[in-house]
Amino acid sequence: MIRIKRIDHVAICVPDIDQAAEKYQALFGLSASSREVVASQRTEVCLLPIGDSSLELISPKGNEGLSRFLEKRGPGLHHVAVEVEGIEAALGLLKTLGVKLIDETPRIGARGHKVAFVHPSATGGVLIELVEPH
């Protein structure tokens, strides 16, 4: 069984992090807690905390997948991330169940956390990110 602890974040893909962060500040009073470029994934990330979770603004910095997402769909909901306990075991279980994975092994994402993505075809069209804090 996969041990899901909480929703870590909901990611919104945007073309311009500054513009989007200003909009969320003006509309909802949300302030950025962290911002970073994740060079290995060629993305820029800005976290807007909400309770124990966050909205995550993501923008491509050379990431072709995110660029295609914006070209095809425009800005919007990109993925939902859930914090798991034991990401390697979770991926192993999903793999044995025949679940289509984007990542069969975790990689390092924002905040130095281990991350892996489950293909949206396995979840009814929603991209799910598994996150395990470092």
Protein backbone atom coordinates (compact mmCIF):
# COMPACT_ATOMS: atom_id res chain seq x y z
CA MET A 1 0.00 0.00 0.00
CA ILE A 2 1.22 3.49 -0.82
CA ARG A 3 1.46 5.76 2.20
CA ILE A 4 0.13 9.14 1.09
CA LYS A 5 0.62 11.75 3.78
CA ARG A 6 -0.95 14.88 2.27
CA ILE A 7 -1.34 17.03 -0.81
CA ASP A 8 2.05 18.71 -1.12
CA HIS A 9 1.08 21.18 -3.84
CA VAL A 10 -1.08 21.89 -6.83
CA ALA A 11 0.99 23.11 -9.77
CA ILE A 12 -0.14 25.79 -12.19
CA CYS A 13 1.86 26.24 -15.38
CA VAL A 14 2.37 29.89 -16.32
CA PRO A 15 4.46 31.69 -18.94
CA ASP A 16 5.65 34.38 -16.52
CA ILE A 17 6.27 33.63 -12.82
CA ASP A 18 6.49 37.30 -11.80
CA GLN A 19 3.18 38.21 -13.41
CA ALA A 20 1.42 35.15 -11.99
CA ALA A 21 2.81 35.67 -8.47
CA GLU A 22 1.65 39.30 -8.53
CA LYS A 23 -1.84 38.20 -9.60
CA TYR A 24 -2.14 35.60 -6.81
CA GLN A 25 -0.88 38.17 -4.30
CA ALA A 26 -3.41 40.77 -5.46
CA LEU A 27 -6.36 38.37 -5.71
CA PHE A 28 -5.80 36.09 -2.74
CA GLY A 29 -3.10 37.67 -0.59
CA LEU A 30 -0.72 34.76 -1.24
CA SER A 31 2.97 35.49 -0.86
CA ALA A 32 5.85 33.45 -2.22
CA SER A 33 7.76 31.42 0.35
CA SER A 34 10.42 30.23 -2.05
CA ARG A 35 11.47 30.56 -5.63
CA GLU A 36 14.07 28.60 -7.53
CA VAL A 37 15.22 27.45 -10.91
CA VAL A 38 15.43 23.66 -11.02
CA ALA A 39 18.21 23.37 -13.57
CA SER A 40 17.90 19.58 -13.95
CA GLN A 41 14.25 19.95 -14.98
CA ARG A 42 14.70 23.26 -16.81
CA THR A 43 11.87 24.91 -14.87
CA GLU A 44 11.34 27.87 -12.59
CA VAL A 45 9.24 27.26 -9.49
CA CYS A 46 7.54 29.62 -7.05
CA LEU A 47 5.68 28.27 -3.99
CA LEU A 48 2.68 30.11 -2.55
CA PRO A 49 1.84 28.44 0.79
CA ILE A 50 -1.75 27.72 1.77
CA GLY A 51 -1.92 25.99 5.15
CA ASP A 52 0.05 22.72 5.00
CA SER A 53 0.05 22.79 1.20
CA SER A 54 0.99 25.20 -1.57
CA LEU A 55 0.14 26.43 -4.99
CA GLU A 56 3.21 25.93 -7.12
CA LEU A 57 3.69 28.24 -10.07
CA ILE A 58 5.87 26.57 -12.70
CA SER A 59 7.33 28.06 -15.83
CA PRO A 60 9.54 26.53 -18.51
CA LYS A 61 13.18 27.55 -18.57
CA GLY A 62 13.99 25.33 -21.54
CA ASN A 63 11.60 22.52 -20.53
CA GLU A 64 10.02 21.39 -23.79
CA GLY A 65 7.13 19.57 -22.12
CA LEU A 66 6.01 22.65 -20.21
CA SER A 67 6.47 24.82 -23.30
CA ARG A 68 4.24 22.44 -25.31
CA PHE A 69 1.70 22.46 -22.46
CA LEU A 70 1.48 26.27 -22.60
CA GLU A 71 1.29 26.31 -26.41
CA LYS A 72 -1.46 23.68 -26.50
CA ARG A 73 -3.53 24.58 -23.44
CA GLY A 74 -2.35 27.97 -22.22
CA PRO A 75 -1.76 28.68 -18.53
CA GLY A 76 -3.54 26.39 -16.11
CA LEU A 77 -3.55 23.39 -13.82
CA HIS A 78 -0.57 21.17 -14.60
CA HIS A 79 -0.39 18.54 -11.86
CA VAL A 80 -1.31 17.55 -8.32
CA ALA A 81 1.54 16.48 -6.04
CA VAL A 82 1.08 14.14 -3.11
CA GLU A 83 3.65 13.57 -0.40
CA VAL A 84 4.42 9.90 0.04
CA GLU A 85 6.42 7.91 2.53
CA GLY A 86 8.93 5.72 0.71
CA ILE A 87 8.82 6.95 -2.88
CA GLU A 88 10.92 4.07 -4.23
CA ALA A 89 8.56 1.50 -2.71
CA ALA A 90 5.54 3.42 -4.03
CA LEU A 91 6.97 3.41 -7.55
CA GLY A 92 7.82 -0.29 -7.25
CA LEU A 93 4.26 -1.12 -6.24
CA LEU A 94 2.75 0.97 -9.02
CA LYS A 95 5.08 -0.68 -11.54
CA THR A 96 4.10 -4.19 -10.39
CA LEU A 97 0.44 -3.17 -10.78
CA GLY A 98 1.14 -2.21 -14.40
CA VAL A 99 0.61 1.50 -13.84
CA LYS A 100 2.15 3.65 -16.57
CA LEU A 101 4.86 5.83 -15.04
CA ILE A 102 6.73 8.80 -16.45
CA ASP A 103 9.52 8.20 -13.92
CA GLU A 104 10.36 4.66 -12.80
CA THR A 105 12.97 6.03 -10.40
CA PRO A 106 12.80 9.29 -8.46
CA ARG A 107 14.71 12.38 -9.50
CA ILE A 108 15.54 15.51 -7.53
CA GLY A 109 12.96 18.28 -7.92
CA ALA A 110 12.23 21.61 -6.28
CA ARG A 111 13.34 22.05 -2.66
CA GLY A 112 15.71 19.10 -3.15
CA HIS A 113 12.82 16.65 -2.76
CA LYS A 114 12.66 13.27 -4.50
CA VAL A 115 9.93 13.37 -7.15
CA ALA A 116 8.40 11.06 -9.75
CA PHE A 117 5.42 11.41 -12.06
CA VAL A 118 2.60 8.99 -12.75
CA HIS A 119 1.34 9.16 -16.34
CA PRO A 120 -2.05 10.89 -16.66
CA SER A 121 -3.44 7.94 -18.64
CA ALA A 122 -3.27 5.92 -15.40
CA THR A 123 -5.27 8.45 -13.39
CA GLY A 124 -8.12 9.53 -15.62
CA GLY A 125 -6.21 12.39 -17.23
CA VAL A 126 -4.58 13.99 -14.18
CA LEU A 127 -0.79 14.20 -13.95
CA ILE A 128 0.17 13.08 -10.43
CA GLU A 129 3.54 13.84 -8.88
CA LEU A 130 4.81 11.75 -5.99
CA VAL A 131 6.99 13.78 -3.61
CA GLU A 132 9.19 12.65 -0.76
CA PRO A 133 10.89 15.43 1.21
CA HIS A 134 14.66 15.11 1.61
